[in-house]
Amino acid sequence: MPIVSDKYRGTKEYYLIYSELITAARYRGTITYQEIAKIIGLPLKGSYMGAEIGHLLGEISEDEFNAGRPMLSSIAVNVQGSPGSGFFELARSLGKLTEESKEAENDFWEEESEAVYEIWKAILKE
C-alpha cells in the first residue's frame, strides 16, 4: 500500500521530473523546486507549488524506495540548497530516518544524496 497517494504516477509530469532528477544525479548535481515547477508548468512559488512538488517528489522517492534504491528526491532542494520538511517526513514514514534532531536530518540527507549519486553516477569512458 503506497504511503503517498497516486496523483502523478504514470503521468508525463512524473517522467519528466524523474528524468531530470536522474540527469542531475548522474553528474552529482541538484535541481531546485523552482526548476521542477517550471518544467511541469506550476507557479514558481507559493503553497500550491510546494504541495504539488512535494506530492510528486514523494511518489518518485517512494517508488525508488520500493525498488531498493535511495530517495531520489534528496537532490531536489529549495533556494537555500536543502530539502524541505516533507523529504524528512517521508523518510520517517518509510522507516529510513528515526531520529528527530536537525543534526540527524542533515546526516541522513548527506548520506542519502551520496547514495543517490553512487547509484546513478555517469560512467565516463577513457
PDB file of N, CA and C in Angstrom:
ATOM      1  N   MET A   1       0.848  -1.193   0.000  1.00  0.00           N
ATOM      2  CA  MET A   1       0.000   0.000   0.000  1.00  0.00           C
ATOM      3  C   MET A   1       0.885   1.245   0.000  1.00  0.00           C
ATOM      4  N   PRO A   2       0.738   2.116  -0.981  1.00  0.00           N
ATOM      5  CA  PRO A   2       1.573   3.312  -1.031  1.00  0.00           C
ATOM      6  C   PRO A   2       1.310   4.252   0.145  1.00  0.00           C
ATOM      7  N   ILE A   3       2.366   4.893   0.591  1.00  0.00           N
ATOM      8  CA  ILE A   3       2.247   5.929   1.616  1.00  0.00           C
ATOM      9  C   ILE A   3       1.719   7.206   0.960  1.00  0.00           C
ATOM     10  N   VAL A   4       2.261   7.508  -0.217  1.00  0.00           N
ATOM     11  CA  VAL A   4       1.866   8.698  -0.984  1.00  0.00           C
ATOM     12  C   VAL A   4       0.814   8.264  -2.002  1.00  0.00           C
ATOM     13  N   SER A   5      -0.319   8.969  -2.034  1.00  0.00           N
ATOM     14  CA  SER A   5      -1.387   8.584  -2.967  1.00  0.00           C
ATOM     15  C   SER A   5      -0.964   8.832  -4.415  1.00  0.00           C
ATOM     16  N   ASP A   6      -1.542   8.075  -5.314  1.00  0.00           N
ATOM     17  CA  ASP A   6      -1.237   8.183  -6.744  1.00  0.00           C
ATOM     18  C   ASP A   6      -1.920   9.402  -7.343  1.00  0.00           C
ATOM     19  N   LYS A   7      -1.160  10.409  -7.590  1.00  0.00           N
ATOM     20  CA  LYS A   7      -1.693  11.568  -8.306  1.00  0.00           C
ATOM     21  C   LYS A   7      -0.902  11.769  -9.595  1.00  0.00           C
ATOM     22  N   TYR A   8       0.398  11.550  -9.509  1.00  0.00           N
ATOM     23  CA  TYR A   8       1.271  11.799 -10.651  1.00  0.00           C
ATOM     24  C   TYR A   8       1.846  10.533 -11.269  1.00  0.00           C
ATOM     25  N   ARG A   9       1.840   9.413 -10.560  1.00  0.00           N
ATOM     26  CA  ARG A   9       2.438   8.184 -11.100  1.00  0.00           C
ATOM     27  C   ARG A   9       1.879   7.879 -12.484  1.00  0.00           C
ATOM     28  N   GLY A  10       2.794   7.619 -13.419  1.00  0.00           N
ATOM     29  CA  GLY A  10       2.381   7.278 -14.780  1.00  0.00           C
ATOM     30  C   GLY A  10       2.091   8.471 -15.670  1.00  0.00           C
ATOM     31  N   THR A  11       2.203   9.684 -15.136  1.00  0.00           N
ATOM     32  CA  THR A  11       1.916  10.878 -15.947  1.00  0.00           C
ATOM     33  C   THR A  11       3.180  11.411 -16.612  1.00  0.00           C
ATOM     34  N   LYS A  12       2.966  12.264 -17.570  1.00  0.00           N
ATOM     35  CA  LYS A  12       4.077  12.935 -18.253  1.00  0.00           C
ATOM     36  C   LYS A  12       4.922  13.710 -17.244  1.00  0.00           C
ATOM     37  N   GLU A  13       4.265  14.392 -16.311  1.00  0.00           N
ATOM     38  CA  GLU A  13       4.984  15.187 -15.314  1.00  0.00           C
ATOM     39  C   GLU A  13       5.908  14.317 -14.453  1.00  0.00           C
ATOM     40  N   TYR A  14       5.393  13.152 -14.066  1.00  0.00           N
ATOM     41  CA  TYR A  14       6.196  12.219 -13.263  1.00  0.00           C
ATOM     42  C   TYR A  14       7.479  11.860 -14.005  1.00  0.00           C
ATOM     43  N   TYR A  15       7.339  11.457 -15.256  1.00  0.00           N
ATOM     44  CA  TYR A  15       8.504  11.007 -16.013  1.00  0.00           C
ATOM     45  C   TYR A  15       9.447  12.146 -16.377  1.00  0.00           C
ATOM     46  N   LEU A  16       8.915  13.331 -16.624  1.00  0.00           N
ATOM     47  CA  LEU A  16       9.785  14.480 -16.883  1.00  0.00           C
ATOM     48  C   LEU A  16      10.669  14.771 -15.675  1.00  0.00           C
ATOM     49  N   ILE A  17      10.079  14.800 -14.503  1.00  0.00           N
ATOM     50  CA  ILE A  17      10.848  15.121 -13.294  1.00  0.00           C
ATOM     51  C   ILE A  17      11.750  13.960 -12.909  1.00  0.00           C
ATOM     52  N   TYR A  18      11.282  12.742 -13.059  1.00  0.00           N
ATOM     53  CA  TYR A  18      12.121  11.566 -12.788  1.00  0.00           C
ATOM     54  C   TYR A  18      13.380  11.628 -13.649  1.00  0.00           C
ATOM     55  N   SER A  19      13.207  11.940 -14.922  1.00  0.00           N
ATOM     56  CA  SER A  19      14.329  12.051 -15.847  1.00  0.00           C
ATOM     57  C   SER A  19      15.284  13.177 -15.448  1.00  0.00           C
ATOM     58  N   GLU A  20      14.738  14.326 -15.076  1.00  0.00           N
ATOM     59  CA  GLU A  20      15.577  15.457 -14.654  1.00  0.00           C
ATOM     60  C   GLU A  20      16.369  15.116 -13.389  1.00  0.00           C
ATOM     61  N   LEU A  21      15.733  14.428 -12.453  1.00  0.00           N
ATOM     62  CA  LEU A  21      16.430  14.033 -11.221  1.00  0.00           C
ATOM     63  C   LEU A  21      17.572  13.071 -11.528  1.00  0.00           C
ATOM     64  N   ILE A  22      17.334  12.108 -12.401  1.00  0.00           N
ATOM     65  CA  ILE A  22      18.387  11.160 -12.755  1.00  0.00           C
ATOM     66  C   ILE A  22      19.540  11.878 -13.455  1.00  0.00           C
ATOM     67  N   THR A  23      19.223  12.789 -14.362  1.00  0.00           N
ATOM     68  CA  THR A  23      20.276  13.547 -15.049  1.00  0.00           C
ATOM     69  C   THR A  23      21.106  14.335 -14.042  1.00  0.00           C
ATOM     70  N   ALA A  24      20.466  15.014 -13.106  1.00  0.00           N
ATOM     71  CA  ALA A  24      21.199  15.758 -12.080  1.00  0.00           C
ATOM     72  C   ALA A  24      22.052  14.811 -11.242  1.00  0.00           C
ATOM     73  N   ALA A  25      21.501  13.675 -10.872  1.00  0.00           N
ATOM     74  CA  ALA A  25      22.230  12.707 -10.048  1.00  0.00           C
ATOM     75  C   ALA A  25      23.449  12.152 -10.772  1.00  0.00           C
ATOM     76  N   ARG A  26      23.321  11.935 -12.053  1.00  0.00           N
ATOM     77  CA  ARG A  26      24.443  11.374 -12.824  1.00  0.00           C
ATOM     78  C   ARG A  26      25.676  12.261 -12.747  1.00  0.00           C
ATOM     79  N   TYR A  27      25.473  13.544 -12.588  1.00  0.00           N
ATOM     80  CA  TYR A  27      26.587  14.489 -12.561  1.00  0.00           C
ATOM     81  C   TYR A  27      26.740  15.178 -11.205  1.00  0.00           C
ATOM     82  N   ARG A  28      26.223  14.515 -10.148  1.00  0.00           N
ATOM     83  CA  ARG A  28      26.358  14.988  -8.768  1.00  0.00           C
ATOM     84  C   ARG A  28      25.794  16.396  -8.572  1.00  0.00           C
ATOM     85  N   GLY A  29      24.696  16.674  -9.230  1.00  0.00           N
ATOM     86  CA  GLY A  29      24.064  17.976  -9.136  1.00  0.00           C
ATOM     87  C   GLY A  29      22.807  17.946  -8.285  1.00  0.00           C
ATOM     88  N   THR A  30      22.105  19.065  -8.317  1.00  0.00           N
ATOM     89  CA  THR A  30      20.807  19.186  -7.647  1.00  0.00           C
ATOM     90  C   THR A  30      19.846  19.844  -8.628  1.00  0.00           C
ATOM     91  N   ILE A  31      18.585  19.840  -8.268  1.00  0.00           N
ATOM     92  CA  ILE A  31      17.563  20.557  -9.021  1.00  0.00           C
ATOM     93  C   ILE A  31      16.694  21.275  -7.994  1.00  0.00           C
ATOM     94  N   THR A  32      16.356  22.518  -8.277  1.00  0.00           N
ATOM     95  CA  THR A  32      15.554  23.278  -7.313  1.00  0.00           C
ATOM     96  C   THR A  32      14.067  23.028  -7.521  1.00  0.00           C
ATOM     97  N   TYR A  33      13.322  23.292  -6.470  1.00  0.00           N
ATOM     98  CA  TYR A  33      11.873  23.174  -6.560  1.00  0.00           C
ATOM     99  C   TYR A  33      11.331  24.108  -7.638  1.00  0.00           C
ATOM    100  N   GLN A  34      11.958  25.278  -7.792  1.00  0.00           N
ATOM    101  CA  GLN A  34      11.513  26.235  -8.807  1.00  0.00           C
ATOM    102  C   GLN A  34      11.762  25.690 -10.210  1.00  0.00           C
ATOM    103  N   GLU A  35      12.898  25.015 -10.405  1.00  0.00           N
ATOM    104  CA  GLU A  35      13.170  24.406 -11.713  1.00  0.00           C
ATOM    105  C   GLU A  35      12.147  23.319 -12.014  1.00  0.00           C
ATOM    106  N   ILE A  36      11.800  22.534 -11.002  1.00  0.00           N
ATOM    107  CA  ILE A  36      10.789  21.494 -11.177  1.00  0.00           C
ATOM    108  C   ILE A  36       9.448  22.131 -11.544  1.00  0.00           C
ATOM    109  N   ALA A  37       9.079  23.185 -10.815  1.00  0.00           N
ATOM    110  CA  ALA A  37       7.808  23.873 -11.090  1.00  0.00           C
ATOM    111  C   ALA A  37       7.763  24.376 -12.527  1.00  0.00           C
ATOM    112  N   LYS A  38       8.853  24.951 -12.984  1.00  0.00           N
ATOM    113  CA  LYS A  38       8.907  25.490 -14.343  1.00  0.00           C
ATOM    114  C   LYS A  38       8.722  24.384 -15.381  1.00  0.00           C
ATOM    115  N   ILE A  39       9.358  23.239 -15.166  1.00  0.00           N
ATOM    116  CA  ILE A  39       9.278  22.120 -16.111  1.00  0.00           C
ATOM    117  C   ILE A  39       7.848  21.618 -16.260  1.00  0.00           C
ATOM    118  N   ILE A  40       7.107  21.566 -15.158  1.00  0.00           N
ATOM    119  CA  ILE A  40       5.758  20.982 -15.231  1.00  0.00           C
ATOM    120  C   ILE A  40       4.649  22.029 -15.214  1.00  0.00           C
ATOM    121  N   GLY A  41       5.019  23.303 -15.346  1.00  0.00           N
ATOM    122  CA  GLY A  41       4.022  24.351 -15.520  1.00  0.00           C
ATOM    123  C   GLY A  41       3.291  24.774 -14.260  1.00  0.00           C
ATOM    124  N   LEU A  42       3.968  24.707 -13.119  1.00  0.00           N
ATOM    125  CA  LEU A  42       3.376  25.183 -11.862  1.00  0.00           C
ATOM    126  C   LEU A  42       3.848  26.601 -11.569  1.00  0.00           C
ATOM    127  N   PRO A  43       3.134  27.324 -10.699  1.00  0.00           N
ATOM    128  CA  PRO A  43       3.644  28.625 -10.265  1.00  0.00           C
ATOM    129  C   PRO A  43       5.023  28.435  -9.633  1.00  0.00           C
ATOM    130  N   LEU A  44       5.866  29.459  -9.690  1.00  0.00           N
ATOM    131  CA  LEU A  44       7.235  29.335  -9.195  1.00  0.00           C
ATOM    132  C   LEU A  44       7.370  29.551  -7.689  1.00  0.00           C
ATOM    133  N   LYS A  45       6.275  29.853  -7.011  1.00  0.00           N
ATOM    134  CA  LYS A  45       6.311  29.997  -5.556  1.00  0.00           C
ATOM    135  C   LYS A  45       4.912  29.791  -4.999  1.00  0.00           C
ATOM    136  N   GLY A  46       4.846  29.697  -3.692  1.00  0.00           N
ATOM    137  CA  GLY A  46       3.551  29.583  -3.036  1.00  0.00           C
ATOM    138  C   GLY A  46       3.254  28.190  -2.517  1.00  0.00           C
ATOM    139  N   SER A  47       2.228  28.115  -1.697  1.00  0.00           N
ATOM    140  CA  SER A  47       1.903  26.851  -1.033  1.00  0.00           C
ATOM    141  C   SER A  47       1.386  25.801  -2.019  1.00  0.00           C
ATOM    142  N   TYR A  48       0.662  26.216  -3.063  1.00  0.00           N
ATOM    143  CA  TYR A  48       0.184  25.255  -4.056  1.00  0.00           C
ATOM    144  C   TYR A  48       1.367  24.590  -4.746  1.00  0.00           C
ATOM    145  N   MET A  49       2.333  25.391  -5.190  1.00  0.00           N
ATOM    146  CA  MET A  49       3.535  24.855  -5.829  1.00  0.00           C
ATOM    147  C   MET A  49       4.238  23.896  -4.889  1.00  0.00           C
ATOM    148  N   GLY A  50       4.423  24.283  -3.650  1.00  0.00           N
ATOM    149  CA  GLY A  50       5.108  23.439  -2.679  1.00  0.00           C
ATOM    150  C   GLY A  50       4.396  22.121  -2.450  1.00  0.00           C
ATOM    151  N   ALA A  51       3.085  22.178  -2.328  1.00  0.00           N
ATOM    152  CA  ALA A  51       2.312  20.957  -2.085  1.00  0.00           C
ATOM    153  C   ALA A  51       2.373  20.011  -3.282  1.00  0.00           C
ATOM    154  N   GLU A  52       2.238  20.545  -4.486  1.00  0.00           N
ATOM    155  CA  GLU A  52       2.247  19.708  -5.688  1.00  0.00           C
ATOM    156  C   GLU A  52       3.624  19.075  -5.916  1.00  0.00           C
ATOM    157  N   ILE A  53       4.666  19.864  -5.759  1.00  0.00           N
ATOM    158  CA  ILE A  53       6.015  19.335  -5.945  1.00  0.00           C
ATOM    159  C   ILE A  53       6.333  18.317  -4.856  1.00  0.00           C
ATOM    160  N   GLY A  54       5.914  18.600  -3.641  1.00  0.00           N
ATOM    161  CA  GLY A  54       6.120  17.652  -2.554  1.00  0.00           C
ATOM    162  C   GLY A  54       5.446  16.323  -2.832  1.00  0.00           C
ATOM    163  N   HIS A  55       4.245  16.397  -3.360  1.00  0.00           N
ATOM    164  CA  HIS A  55       3.499  15.169  -3.680  1.00  0.00           C
ATOM    165  C   HIS A  55       4.209  14.381  -4.784  1.00  0.00           C
ATOM    166  N   LEU A  56       4.595  15.065  -5.833  1.00  0.00           N
ATOM    167  CA  LEU A  56       5.274  14.421  -6.962  1.00  0.00           C
ATOM    168  C   LEU A  56       6.591  13.793  -6.512  1.00  0.00           C
ATOM    169  N   LEU A  57       7.398  14.548  -5.775  1.00  0.00           N
ATOM    170  CA  LEU A  57       8.679  14.018  -5.302  1.00  0.00           C
ATOM    171  C   LEU A  57       8.472  12.862  -4.333  1.00  0.00           C
ATOM    172  N   GLY A  58       7.413  12.933  -3.548  1.00  0.00           N
ATOM    173  CA  GLY A  58       7.099  11.840  -2.635  1.00  0.00           C
ATOM    174  C   GLY A  58       6.805  10.552  -3.386  1.00  0.00           C
ATOM    175  N   GLU A  59       6.037  10.644  -4.460  1.00  0.00           N
ATOM    176  CA  GLU A  59       5.739   9.460  -5.265  1.00  0.00           C
ATOM    177  C   GLU A  59       7.012   8.874  -5.866  1.00  0.00           C
ATOM    178  N   ILE A  60       7.857   9.743  -6.401  1.00  0.00           N
ATOM    179  CA  ILE A  60       9.110   9.280  -7.010  1.00  0.00           C
ATOM    180  C   ILE A  60       9.986   8.600  -5.953  1.00  0.00           C
ATOM    181  N   SER A  61      10.149   9.225  -4.800  1.00  0.00           N
ATOM    182  CA  SER A  61      11.008   8.635  -3.773  1.00  0.00           C
ATOM    183  C   SER A  61      10.431   7.353  -3.196  1.00  0.00           C
ATOM    184  N   GLU A  62       9.131   7.291  -3.053  1.00  0.00           N
ATOM    185  CA  GLU A  62       8.519   6.057  -2.569  1.00  0.00           C
ATOM    186  C   GLU A  62       8.746   4.928  -3.579  1.00  0.00           C
ATOM    187  N   ASP A  63       8.613   5.230  -4.860  1.00  0.00           N
ATOM    188  CA  ASP A  63       8.852   4.222  -5.890  1.00  0.00           C
ATOM    189  C   ASP A  63      10.314   3.781  -5.897  1.00  0.00           C
ATOM    190  N   GLU A  64      11.225   4.718  -5.717  1.00  0.00           N
ATOM    191  CA  GLU A  64      12.641   4.371  -5.642  1.00  0.00           C
ATOM    192  C   GLU A  64      12.920   3.488  -4.424  1.00  0.00           C
ATOM    193  N   PHE A  65      12.339   3.839  -3.299  1.00  0.00           N
ATOM    194  CA  PHE A  65      12.494   3.043  -2.078  1.00  0.00           C
ATOM    195  C   PHE A  65      11.997   1.619  -2.306  1.00  0.00           C
ATOM    196  N   ASN A  66      10.833   1.491  -2.926  1.00  0.00           N
ATOM    197  CA  ASN A  66      10.257   0.172  -3.192  1.00  0.00           C
ATOM    198  C   ASN A  66      11.092  -0.632  -4.186  1.00  0.00           C
ATOM    199  N   ALA A  67      11.899   0.058  -4.999  1.00  0.00           N
ATOM    200  CA  ALA A  67      12.796  -0.603  -5.949  1.00  0.00           C
ATOM    201  C   ALA A  67      14.163  -0.892  -5.324  1.00  0.00           C
ATOM    202  N   GLY A  68      14.320  -0.551  -4.037  1.00  0.00           N
ATOM    203  CA  GLY A  68      15.579  -0.822  -3.348  1.00  0.00           C
ATOM    204  C   GLY A  68      16.653   0.226  -3.570  1.00  0.00           C
ATOM    205  N   ARG A  69      16.255   1.405  -4.035  1.00  0.00           N
ATOM    206  CA  ARG A  69      17.205   2.487  -4.276  1.00  0.00           C
ATOM    207  C   ARG A  69      16.971   3.619  -3.282  1.00  0.00           C
ATOM    208  N   PRO A  70      17.970   4.512  -3.131  1.00  0.00           N
ATOM    209  CA  PRO A  70      17.804   5.650  -2.220  1.00  0.00           C
ATOM    210  C   PRO A  70      16.778   6.655  -2.747  1.00  0.00           C
ATOM    211  N   MET A  71      16.364   7.552  -1.868  1.00  0.00           N
ATOM    212  CA  MET A  71      15.336   8.554  -2.203  1.00  0.00           C
ATOM    213  C   MET A  71      15.899   9.585  -3.186  1.00  0.00           C
ATOM    214  N   LEU A  72      15.474   9.491  -4.422  1.00  0.00           N
ATOM    215  CA  LEU A  72      15.961  10.375  -5.483  1.00  0.00           C
ATOM    216  C   LEU A  72      15.659  11.841  -5.182  1.00  0.00           C
ATOM    217  N   SER A  73      14.619  12.099  -4.422  1.00  0.00           N
ATOM    218  CA  SER A  73      14.268  13.492  -4.109  1.00  0.00           C
ATOM    219  C   SER A  73      15.257  14.156  -3.164  1.00  0.00           C
ATOM    220  N   SER A  74      16.256  13.419  -2.672  1.00  0.00           N
ATOM    221  CA  SER A  74      17.261  14.042  -1.802  1.00  0.00           C
ATOM    222  C   SER A  74      18.048  15.122  -2.534  1.00  0.00           C
ATOM    223  N   ILE A  75      18.048  15.075  -3.861  1.00  0.00           N
ATOM    224  CA  ILE A  75      18.797  16.086  -4.606  1.00  0.00           C
ATOM    225  C   ILE A  75      17.901  17.204  -5.141  1.00  0.00           C
ATOM    226  N   ALA A  76      16.640  17.197  -4.745  1.00  0.00           N
ATOM    227  CA  ALA A  76      15.721  18.307  -5.049  1.00  0.00           C
ATOM    228  C   ALA A  76      15.742  19.241  -3.842  1.00  0.00           C
ATOM    229  N   VAL A  77      16.054  20.510  -4.085  1.00  0.00           N
ATOM    230  CA  VAL A  77      16.297  21.434  -2.978  1.00  0.00           C
ATOM    231  C   VAL A  77      15.555  22.760  -3.148  1.00  0.00           C
ATOM    232  N   ASN A  78      15.423  23.469  -2.028  1.00  0.00           N
ATOM    233  CA  ASN A  78      14.831  24.807  -2.043  1.00  0.00           C
ATOM    234  C   ASN A  78      15.899  25.830  -2.418  1.00  0.00           C
ATOM    235  N   VAL A  79      15.552  27.105  -2.406  1.00  0.00           N
ATOM    236  CA  VAL A  79      16.500  28.147  -2.808  1.00  0.00           C
ATOM    237  C   VAL A  79      17.680  28.256  -1.844  1.00  0.00           C
ATOM    238  N   GLN A  80      17.528  27.754  -0.631  1.00  0.00           N
ATOM    239  CA  GLN A  80      18.638  27.737   0.325  1.00  0.00           C
ATOM    240  C   GLN A  80      19.561  26.536   0.101  1.00  0.00           C
ATOM    241  N   GLY A  81      19.183  25.625  -0.801  1.00  0.00           N
ATOM    242  CA  GLY A  81      20.030  24.494  -1.131  1.00  0.00           C
ATOM    243  C   GLY A  81      19.820  23.251  -0.289  1.00  0.00           C
ATOM    244  N   SER A  82      18.690  23.169   0.387  1.00  0.00           N
ATOM    245  CA  SER A  82      18.409  21.987   1.204  1.00  0.00           C
ATOM    246  C   SER A  82      16.991  21.487   0.937  1.00  0.00           C
ATOM    247  N   PRO A  83      16.712  20.226   1.292  1.00  0.00           N
ATOM    248  CA  PRO A  83      15.363  19.706   1.061  1.00  0.00           C
ATOM    249  C   PRO A  83      14.369  20.277   2.051  1.00  0.00           C
ATOM    250  N   GLY A  84      13.105  20.243   1.691  1.00  0.00           N
ATOM    251  CA  GLY A  84      12.051  20.712   2.575  1.00  0.00           C
ATOM    252  C   GLY A  84      11.700  19.678   3.629  1.00  0.00           C
ATOM    253  N   SER A  85      10.839  20.060   4.541  1.00  0.00           N
ATOM    254  CA  SER A  85      10.455  19.182   5.649  1.00  0.00           C
ATOM    255  C   SER A  85       9.757  17.914   5.168  1.00  0.00           C
ATOM    256  N   GLY A  86       9.081  17.970   4.034  1.00  0.00           N
ATOM    257  CA  GLY A  86       8.394  16.803   3.504  1.00  0.00           C
ATOM    258  C   GLY A  86       9.339  15.654   3.177  1.00  0.00           C
ATOM    259  N   PHE A  87      10.561  15.979   2.773  1.00  0.00           N
ATOM    260  CA  PHE A  87      11.566  14.951   2.497  1.00  0.00           C
ATOM    261  C   PHE A  87      11.841  14.129   3.752  1.00  0.00           C
ATOM    262  N   PHE A  88      12.016  14.819   4.874  1.00  0.00           N
ATOM    263  CA  PHE A  88      12.314  14.133   6.125  1.00  0.00           C
ATOM    264  C   PHE A  88      11.089  13.399   6.664  1.00  0.00           C
ATOM    265  N   GLU A  89       9.912  13.967   6.464  1.00  0.00           N
ATOM    266  CA  GLU A  89       8.673  13.294   6.890  1.00  0.00           C
ATOM    267  C   GLU A  89       8.492  11.975   6.147  1.00  0.00           C
ATOM    268  N   LEU A  90       8.744  11.988   4.832  1.00  0.00           N
ATOM    269  CA  LEU A  90       8.619  10.756   4.051  1.00  0.00           C
ATOM    270  C   LEU A  90       9.679   9.747   4.492  1.00  0.00           C
ATOM    271  N   ALA A  91      10.895  10.215   4.721  1.00  0.00           N
ATOM    272  CA  ALA A  91      11.963   9.312   5.173  1.00  0.00           C
ATOM    273  C   ALA A  91      11.562   8.622   6.476  1.00  0.00           C
ATOM    274  N   ARG A  92      10.925   9.357   7.365  1.00  0.00           N
ATOM    275  CA  ARG A  92      10.451   8.758   8.620  1.00  0.00           C
ATOM    276  C   ARG A  92       9.320   7.756   8.349  1.00  0.00           C
ATOM    277  N   SER A  93       8.401   8.104   7.460  1.00  0.00           N
ATOM    278  CA  SER A  93       7.294   7.209   7.116  1.00  0.00           C
ATOM    279  C   SER A  93       7.804   5.906   6.499  1.00  0.00           C
ATOM    280  N   LEU A  94       8.903   5.991   5.764  1.00  0.00           N
ATOM    281  CA  LEU A  94       9.491   4.812   5.132  1.00  0.00           C
ATOM    282  C   LEU A  94      10.387   4.035   6.092  1.00  0.00           C
ATOM    283  N   GLY A  95      10.620   4.588   7.280  1.00  0.00           N
ATOM    284  CA  GLY A  95      11.479   3.929   8.262  1.00  0.00           C
ATOM    285  C   GLY A  95      12.957   4.124   8.021  1.00  0.00           C
ATOM    286  N   LYS A  96      13.305   5.074   7.151  1.00  0.00           N
ATOM    287  CA  LYS A  96      14.714   5.329   6.845  1.00  0.00           C
ATOM    288  C   LYS A  96      15.363   6.296   7.822  1.00  0.00           C
ATOM    289  N   LEU A  97      14.560   7.136   8.455  1.00  0.00           N
ATOM    290  CA  LEU A  97      15.055   8.139   9.401  1.00  0.00           C
ATOM    291  C   LEU A  97      14.257   7.986  10.687  1.00  0.00           C
ATOM    292  N   THR A  98      14.963   7.747  11.775  1.00  0.00           N
ATOM    293  CA  THR A  98      14.263   7.506  13.041  1.00  0.00           C
ATOM    294  C   THR A  98      14.474   8.619  14.054  1.00  0.00           C
ATOM    295  N   GLU A  99      15.522   9.401  13.896  1.00  0.00           N
ATOM    296  CA  GLU A  99      15.803  10.469  14.852  1.00  0.00           C
ATOM    297  C   GLU A  99      15.138  11.767  14.428  1.00  0.00           C
ATOM    298  N   GLU A 100      14.928  12.648  15.407  1.00  0.00           N
ATOM    299  CA  GLU A 100      14.206  13.899  15.162  1.00  0.00           C
ATOM    300  C   GLU A 100      15.100  15.135  15.059  1.00  0.00           C
ATOM    301  N   SER A 101      16.370  15.042  15.460  1.00  0.00           N
ATOM    302  CA  SER A 101      17.224  16.229  15.538  1.00  0.00           C
ATOM    303  C   SER A 101      17.604  16.756  14.155  1.00  0.00           C
ATOM    304  N   LYS A 102      17.917  18.043  14.089  1.00  0.00           N
ATOM    305  CA  LYS A 102      18.375  18.669  12.842  1.00  0.00           C
ATOM    306  C   LYS A 102      19.681  18.024  12.388  1.00  0.00           C
ATOM    307  N   GLU A 103      20.541  17.691  13.346  1.00  0.00           N
ATOM    308  CA  GLU A 103      21.815  17.052  13.012  1.00  0.00           C
ATOM    309  C   GLU A 103      21.572  15.697  12.347  1.00  0.00           C
ATOM    310  N   ALA A 104      20.643  14.913  12.901  1.00  0.00           N
ATOM    311  CA  ALA A 104      20.309  13.608  12.316  1.00  0.00           C
ATOM    312  C   ALA A 104      19.720  13.781  10.925  1.00  0.00           C
ATOM    313  N   GLU A 105      18.875  14.802  10.742  1.00  0.00           N
ATOM    314  CA  GLU A 105      18.301  15.067   9.420  1.00  0.00           C
ATOM    315  C   GLU A 105      19.390  15.421   8.415  1.00  0.00           C
ATOM    316  N   ASN A 106      20.312  16.301   8.814  1.00  0.00           N
ATOM    317  CA  ASN A 106      21.393  16.685   7.900  1.00  0.00           C
ATOM    318  C   ASN A 106      22.286  15.506   7.551  1.00  0.00           C
ATOM    319  N   ASP A 107      22.607  14.686   8.552  1.00  0.00           N
ATOM    320  CA  ASP A 107      23.432  13.497   8.296  1.00  0.00           C
ATOM    321  C   ASP A 107      22.713  12.555   7.328  1.00  0.00           C
ATOM    322  N   PHE A 108      21.429  12.326   7.571  1.00  0.00           N
ATOM    323  CA  PHE A 108      20.648  11.455   6.698  1.00  0.00           C
ATOM    324  C   PHE A 108      20.621  12.010   5.282  1.00  0.00           C
ATOM    325  N   TRP A 109      20.361  13.305   5.145  1.00  0.00           N
ATOM    326  CA  TRP A 109      20.292  13.932   3.825  1.00  0.00           C
ATOM    327  C   TRP A 109      21.613  13.754   3.070  1.00  0.00           C
ATOM    328  N   GLU A 110      22.733  14.017   3.742  1.00  0.00           N
ATOM    329  CA  GLU A 110      24.046  13.866   3.098  1.00  0.00           C
ATOM    330  C   GLU A 110      24.279  12.422   2.662  1.00  0.00           C
ATOM    331  N   GLU A 111      23.966  11.473   3.535  1.00  0.00           N
ATOM    332  CA  GLU A 111      24.164  10.059   3.213  1.00  0.00           C
ATOM    333  C   GLU A 111      23.250   9.623   2.072  1.00  0.00           C
ATOM    334  N   GLU A 112      22.014  10.063   2.096  1.00  0.00           N
ATOM    335  CA  GLU A 112      21.057   9.680   1.058  1.00  0.00           C
ATOM    336  C   GLU A 112      21.461  10.289  -0.281  1.00  0.00           C
ATOM    337  N   SER A 113      21.905  11.539  -0.280  1.00  0.00           N
ATOM    338  CA  SER A 113      22.360  12.183  -1.520  1.00  0.00           C
ATOM    339  C   SER A 113      23.557  11.450  -2.094  1.00  0.00           C
ATOM    340  N   GLU A 114      24.506  11.089  -1.255  1.00  0.00           N
ATOM    341  CA  GLU A 114      25.685  10.342  -1.716  1.00  0.00           C
ATOM    342  C   GLU A 114      25.271   8.998  -2.302  1.00  0.00           C
ATOM    343  N   ALA A 115      24.311   8.341  -1.671  1.00  0.00           N
ATOM    344  CA  ALA A 115      23.824   7.061  -2.182  1.00  0.00           C
ATOM    345  C   ALA A 115      23.153   7.240  -3.545  1.00  0.00           C
ATOM    346  N   VAL A 116      22.392   8.321  -3.708  1.00  0.00           N
ATOM    347  CA  VAL A 116      21.770   8.634  -4.998  1.00  0.00           C
ATOM    348  C   VAL A 116      22.848   8.846  -6.052  1.00  0.00           C
ATOM    349  N   TYR A 117      23.857   9.638  -5.715  1.00  0.00           N
ATOM    350  CA  TYR A 117      24.932   9.905  -6.674  1.00  0.00           C
ATOM    351  C   TYR A 117      25.650   8.615  -7.065  1.00  0.00           C
ATOM    352  N   GLU A 118      25.863   7.740  -6.116  1.00  0.00           N
ATOM    353  CA  GLU A 118      26.564   6.479  -6.393  1.00  0.00           C
ATOM    354  C   GLU A 118      25.730   5.581  -7.306  1.00  0.00           C
ATOM    355  N   ILE A 119      24.445   5.467  -7.034  1.00  0.00           N
ATOM    356  CA  ILE A 119      23.563   4.611  -7.849  1.00  0.00           C
ATOM    357  C   ILE A 119      23.480   5.104  -9.297  1.00  0.00           C
ATOM    358  N   TRP A 120      23.360   6.422  -9.460  1.00  0.00           N
ATOM    359  CA  TRP A 120      23.076   6.985 -10.783  1.00  0.00           C
ATOM    360  C   TRP A 120      24.283   7.597 -11.477  1.00  0.00           C
ATOM    361  N   LYS A 121      25.489   7.429 -10.925  1.00  0.00           N
ATOM    362  CA  LYS A 121      26.658   8.119 -11.477  1.00  0.00           C
ATOM    363  C   LYS A 121      26.884   7.789 -12.951  1.00  0.00           C
ATOM    364  N   ALA A 122      27.397   8.793 -13.641  1.00  0.00           N
ATOM    365  CA  ALA A 122      27.715   8.628 -15.052  1.00  0.00           C
ATOM    366  C   ALA A 122      28.954   7.747 -15.174  1.00  0.00           C
ATOM    367  N   ILE A 123      28.950   6.869 -16.125  1.00  0.00           N
ATOM    368  CA  ILE A 123      30.106   6.030 -16.405  1.00  0.00           C
ATOM    369  C   ILE A 123      30.924   6.748 -17.499  1.00  0.00           C
ATOM    370  N   LEU A 124      32.049   7.249 -17.088  1.00  0.00           N
ATOM    371  CA  LEU A 124      32.885   8.006 -18.024  1.00  0.00           C
ATOM    372  C   LEU A 124      33.924   7.076 -18.644  1.00  0.00           C
ATOM    373  N   LYS A 125      33.930   7.000 -19.940  1.00  0.00           N
ATOM    374  CA  LYS A 125      34.884   6.134 -20.646  1.00  0.00           C
ATOM    375  C   LYS A 125      36.147   6.911 -20.925  1.00  0.00           C
ATOM    376  N   GLU A 126      37.252   6.204 -20.847  1.00  0.00           N
ATOM    377  CA  GLU A 126      38.561   6.848 -21.087  1.00  0.00           C
ATOM    378  C   GLU A 126      38.909   6.822 -22.548  1.00  0.00           C
TER     379      GLU A 126
END
